Amino acid sequence: MLETARDLGDANYRALITLVPPHPSWEGELIQSDLTEGMIPVLQTIIRRTVGFPKAALAGKSIREIEDVRAKVAWEDYKSLGDEIREILKR
């Protein structure tokens, strides 16, 4: 990831961390911290891995449409991402 980011040069970008194991794992936060320390711009929102994604794919539905508590948490991650991006675009 660090090499790819260096290849981007002066491009305006932010890294999105996805497929992160849910808590109690702190893997996402550790990756976020490592990228920040490596001077890589990173979004604060982390998209967690959940069984809701394969369920949605098999049902031909979006994660928002799946009736499962874990899927609802995943949808909240995406809503948070949208909010963060909208806030960035306001600047």
N, C-alpha and C. Protein backbone atom coordinates (compact mmCIF):
# COMPACT_ATOMS: atom_id res chain seq x y z
N MET A 1 0.82 -1.19 0.00
CA MET A 1 0.00 0.00 0.00
C MET A 1 0.87 1.25 0.00
N LEU A 2 1.91 1.23 0.81
CA LEU A 2 2.79 2.41 0.88
C LEU A 2 3.45 2.68 -0.46
N GLU A 3 3.90 1.63 -1.16
CA GLU A 3 4.53 1.82 -2.47
C GLU A 3 3.53 2.35 -3.49
N THR A 4 2.32 1.83 -3.48
CA THR A 4 1.29 2.30 -4.40
C THR A 4 1.01 3.77 -4.15
N ALA A 5 0.88 4.15 -2.89
CA ALA A 5 0.61 5.55 -2.56
C ALA A 5 1.76 6.45 -3.02
N ARG A 6 2.97 6.00 -2.87
CA ARG A 6 4.12 6.81 -3.33
C ARG A 6 4.08 7.00 -4.84
N ASP A 7 3.62 5.98 -5.56
CA ASP A 7 3.52 6.07 -7.02
C ASP A 7 2.47 7.09 -7.46
N LEU A 8 1.53 7.42 -6.59
CA LEU A 8 0.47 8.38 -6.94
C LEU A 8 0.97 9.82 -6.97
N GLY A 9 2.12 10.04 -6.39
CA GLY A 9 2.70 11.38 -6.41
C GLY A 9 1.82 12.40 -5.73
N ASP A 10 1.48 13.47 -6.46
CA ASP A 10 0.71 14.57 -5.90
C ASP A 10 -0.80 14.40 -6.08
N ALA A 11 -1.25 13.23 -6.47
CA ALA A 11 -2.68 13.00 -6.68
C ALA A 11 -3.45 13.25 -5.38
N ASN A 12 -4.66 13.74 -5.52
CA ASN A 12 -5.52 13.98 -4.36
C ASN A 12 -6.31 12.70 -4.09
N TYR A 13 -5.99 12.02 -3.01
CA TYR A 13 -6.64 10.74 -2.69
C TYR A 13 -6.66 10.53 -1.18
N ARG A 14 -7.44 9.54 -0.78
CA ARG A 14 -7.44 9.03 0.59
C ARG A 14 -7.65 7.53 0.52
N ALA A 15 -6.98 6.79 1.37
CA ALA A 15 -7.13 5.34 1.41
C ALA A 15 -8.38 4.98 2.21
N LEU A 16 -9.08 3.96 1.74
CA LEU A 16 -10.24 3.41 2.45
C LEU A 16 -9.87 2.01 2.90
N ILE A 17 -9.98 1.76 4.18
CA ILE A 17 -9.65 0.46 4.75
C ILE A 17 -10.91 -0.38 4.78
N THR A 18 -10.86 -1.55 4.13
CA THR A 18 -12.03 -2.43 4.03
C THR A 18 -11.67 -3.85 4.45
N LEU A 19 -12.71 -4.68 4.54
CA LEU A 19 -12.58 -6.09 4.89
C LEU A 19 -11.88 -6.29 6.23
N VAL A 20 -12.14 -5.39 7.15
CA VAL A 20 -11.52 -5.42 8.46
C VAL A 20 -12.31 -6.34 9.38
N PRO A 21 -11.62 -7.22 10.10
CA PRO A 21 -12.34 -8.06 11.06
C PRO A 21 -13.06 -7.19 12.09
N PRO A 22 -14.27 -7.60 12.49
CA PRO A 22 -15.00 -6.80 13.48
C PRO A 22 -14.34 -6.88 14.85
N HIS A 23 -14.76 -5.99 15.74
CA HIS A 23 -14.24 -6.03 17.12
C HIS A 23 -14.60 -7.36 17.74
N PRO A 24 -13.73 -7.92 18.54
CA PRO A 24 -12.70 -7.26 19.33
C PRO A 24 -11.37 -7.04 18.62
N SER A 25 -11.25 -7.39 17.35
CA SER A 25 -10.01 -7.14 16.61
C SER A 25 -9.77 -5.64 16.48
N TRP A 26 -8.52 -5.25 16.60
CA TRP A 26 -8.12 -3.86 16.42
C TRP A 26 -7.30 -3.69 15.14
N GLU A 27 -7.37 -4.69 14.26
CA GLU A 27 -6.57 -4.69 13.04
C GLU A 27 -6.80 -3.44 12.18
N GLY A 28 -8.05 -3.05 12.01
CA GLY A 28 -8.36 -1.87 11.20
C GLY A 28 -7.73 -0.61 11.76
N GLU A 29 -7.84 -0.44 13.04
CA GLU A 29 -7.26 0.74 13.67
C GLU A 29 -5.74 0.74 13.57
N LEU A 30 -5.13 -0.45 13.67
CA LEU A 30 -3.67 -0.55 13.54
C LEU A 30 -3.22 -0.20 12.12
N ILE A 31 -3.96 -0.70 11.12
CA ILE A 31 -3.63 -0.37 9.73
C ILE A 31 -3.78 1.13 9.51
N GLN A 32 -4.86 1.69 10.03
CA GLN A 32 -5.11 3.13 9.90
C GLN A 32 -3.95 3.93 10.51
N SER A 33 -3.52 3.52 11.66
CA SER A 33 -2.42 4.20 12.34
C SER A 33 -1.11 4.07 11.54
N ASP A 34 -0.84 2.87 11.03
CA ASP A 34 0.38 2.67 10.23
C ASP A 34 0.38 3.54 8.98
N LEU A 35 -0.77 3.61 8.30
CA LEU A 35 -0.85 4.44 7.10
C LEU A 35 -0.66 5.92 7.43
N THR A 36 -1.28 6.36 8.51
CA THR A 36 -1.15 7.76 8.93
C THR A 36 0.30 8.07 9.26
N GLU A 37 0.96 7.17 9.98
CA GLU A 37 2.38 7.37 10.30
C GLU A 37 3.25 7.37 9.04
N GLY A 38 2.81 6.63 8.02
CA GLY A 38 3.53 6.60 6.75
C GLY A 38 3.17 7.76 5.84
N MET A 39 2.44 8.74 6.39
CA MET A 39 2.05 9.95 5.67
C MET A 39 1.09 9.67 4.51
N ILE A 40 0.28 8.62 4.64
CA ILE A 40 -0.73 8.27 3.64
C ILE A 40 -2.05 8.85 4.11
N PRO A 41 -2.71 9.67 3.29
CA PRO A 41 -4.02 10.19 3.68
C PRO A 41 -5.02 9.03 3.76
N VAL A 42 -5.72 8.94 4.86
CA VAL A 42 -6.62 7.81 5.07
C VAL A 42 -7.96 8.31 5.60
N LEU A 43 -9.02 7.72 5.08
CA LEU A 43 -10.35 8.04 5.60
C LEU A 43 -10.50 7.48 7.01
N GLN A 44 -11.27 8.15 7.83
CA GLN A 44 -11.48 7.69 9.20
C GLN A 44 -12.44 6.51 9.27
N THR A 45 -13.35 6.44 8.32
CA THR A 45 -14.31 5.34 8.29
C THR A 45 -13.61 4.05 7.88
N ILE A 46 -13.95 2.99 8.58
CA ILE A 46 -13.43 1.65 8.29
C ILE A 46 -14.62 0.77 7.95
N ILE A 47 -14.52 0.03 6.85
CA ILE A 47 -15.59 -0.89 6.45
C ILE A 47 -15.25 -2.27 7.00
N ARG A 48 -16.09 -2.72 7.93
CA ARG A 48 -15.85 -4.01 8.59
C ARG A 48 -16.38 -5.17 7.76
N ARG A 49 -15.70 -6.29 7.86
CA ARG A 49 -16.14 -7.52 7.22
C ARG A 49 -17.31 -8.08 8.03
N THR A 50 -18.30 -8.62 7.31
CA THR A 50 -19.44 -9.22 7.99
C THR A 50 -20.06 -10.29 7.10
N VAL A 51 -20.77 -11.22 7.71
CA VAL A 51 -21.46 -12.26 6.94
C VAL A 51 -22.58 -11.67 6.10
N GLY A 52 -22.94 -10.44 6.38
CA GLY A 52 -24.01 -9.79 5.62
C GLY A 52 -23.65 -9.59 4.16
N PHE A 53 -22.38 -9.39 3.83
CA PHE A 53 -21.99 -9.17 2.44
C PHE A 53 -22.24 -10.39 1.55
N PRO A 54 -21.78 -11.60 1.95
CA PRO A 54 -22.09 -12.75 1.11
C PRO A 54 -23.60 -13.05 1.07
N LYS A 55 -24.30 -12.80 2.19
CA LYS A 55 -25.75 -13.00 2.19
C LYS A 55 -26.42 -12.07 1.17
N ALA A 56 -25.98 -10.84 1.14
CA ALA A 56 -26.55 -9.87 0.20
C ALA A 56 -26.25 -10.29 -1.24
N ALA A 57 -25.02 -10.69 -1.49
CA ALA A 57 -24.64 -11.10 -2.85
C ALA A 57 -25.46 -12.30 -3.31
N LEU A 58 -25.62 -13.29 -2.44
CA LEU A 58 -26.40 -14.47 -2.81
C LEU A 58 -27.87 -14.15 -3.04
N ALA A 59 -28.38 -13.17 -2.30
CA ALA A 59 -29.78 -12.77 -2.44
C ALA A 59 -29.99 -11.77 -3.57
N GLY A 60 -28.90 -11.27 -4.15
CA GLY A 60 -29.01 -10.26 -5.20
C GLY A 60 -29.53 -8.94 -4.66
N LYS A 61 -29.16 -8.63 -3.42
CA LYS A 61 -29.63 -7.42 -2.77
C LYS A 61 -28.44 -6.59 -2.28
N SER A 62 -28.73 -5.36 -1.92
CA SER A 62 -27.69 -4.53 -1.30
C SER A 62 -27.62 -4.89 0.18
N ILE A 63 -26.52 -4.54 0.80
CA ILE A 63 -26.36 -4.80 2.23
C ILE A 63 -27.44 -4.10 3.04
N ARG A 64 -27.94 -2.99 2.54
CA ARG A 64 -28.99 -2.23 3.22
C ARG A 64 -30.30 -3.02 3.32
N GLU A 65 -30.53 -3.91 2.37
CA GLU A 65 -31.78 -4.64 2.31
C GLU A 65 -31.80 -5.95 3.11
N ILE A 66 -30.66 -6.35 3.66
CA ILE A 66 -30.58 -7.62 4.38
C ILE A 66 -31.07 -7.43 5.81
N GLU A 67 -31.96 -8.32 6.23
CA GLU A 67 -32.52 -8.26 7.58
C GLU A 67 -31.66 -9.08 8.55
N ASP A 68 -30.59 -8.47 9.01
CA ASP A 68 -29.65 -9.12 9.92
C ASP A 68 -28.95 -7.99 10.67
N VAL A 69 -28.80 -8.14 11.96
CA VAL A 69 -28.19 -7.08 12.77
C VAL A 69 -26.79 -6.75 12.27
N ARG A 70 -26.03 -7.76 11.90
CA ARG A 70 -24.66 -7.51 11.42
C ARG A 70 -24.67 -6.77 10.09
N ALA A 71 -25.66 -7.06 9.27
CA ALA A 71 -25.78 -6.34 7.99
C ALA A 71 -26.12 -4.88 8.24
N LYS A 72 -26.93 -4.62 9.24
CA LYS A 72 -27.29 -3.23 9.58
C LYS A 72 -26.04 -2.46 10.02
N VAL A 73 -25.17 -3.13 10.76
CA VAL A 73 -23.92 -2.50 11.19
C VAL A 73 -23.06 -2.16 9.96
N ALA A 74 -23.02 -3.09 8.99
CA ALA A 74 -22.26 -2.85 7.76
C ALA A 74 -22.84 -1.66 7.00
N TRP A 75 -24.16 -1.57 6.94
CA TRP A 75 -24.80 -0.44 6.26
C TRP A 75 -24.44 0.86 6.96
N GLU A 76 -24.36 0.85 8.29
CA GLU A 76 -23.96 2.04 9.04
C GLU A 76 -22.54 2.46 8.67
N ASP A 77 -21.65 1.49 8.43
CA ASP A 77 -20.28 1.83 7.99
C ASP A 77 -20.33 2.60 6.68
N TYR A 78 -21.15 2.13 5.75
CA TYR A 78 -21.26 2.82 4.45
C TYR A 78 -21.91 4.19 4.58
N LYS A 79 -22.89 4.32 5.45
CA LYS A 79 -23.48 5.63 5.67
C LYS A 79 -22.45 6.59 6.25
N SER A 80 -21.65 6.08 7.17
CA SER A 80 -20.59 6.90 7.77
C SER A 80 -19.58 7.33 6.71
N LEU A 81 -19.25 6.42 5.80
CA LEU A 81 -18.34 6.75 4.72
C LEU A 81 -18.92 7.86 3.84
N GLY A 82 -20.18 7.75 3.50
CA GLY A 82 -20.84 8.79 2.70
C GLY A 82 -20.80 10.13 3.40
N ASP A 83 -21.09 10.13 4.70
CA ASP A 83 -21.05 11.37 5.48
C ASP A 83 -19.65 11.98 5.48
N GLU A 84 -18.65 11.12 5.65
CA GLU A 84 -17.27 11.61 5.67
C GLU A 84 -16.88 12.21 4.33
N ILE A 85 -17.25 11.56 3.25
CA ILE A 85 -16.91 12.07 1.91
C ILE A 85 -17.63 13.39 1.65
N ARG A 86 -18.89 13.47 2.03
CA ARG A 86 -19.62 14.74 1.86
C ARG A 86 -18.94 15.87 2.63
N GLU A 87 -18.48 15.58 3.82
CA GLU A 87 -17.80 16.59 4.63
C GLU A 87 -16.49 17.03 3.97
N ILE A 88 -15.74 16.10 3.42
CA ILE A 88 -14.49 16.41 2.73
C ILE A 88 -14.76 17.31 1.53
N LEU A 89 -15.81 17.00 0.78
CA LEU A 89 -16.13 17.77 -0.43
C LEU A 89 -16.59 19.20 -0.12
N LYS A 90 -17.06 19.44 1.09
CA LYS A 90 -17.46 20.79 1.49
C LYS A 90 -16.27 21.70 1.68
N ARG A 91 -15.11 21.14 1.97
CA ARG A 91 -13.92 21.94 2.29
C ARG A 91 -13.36 22.63 1.08
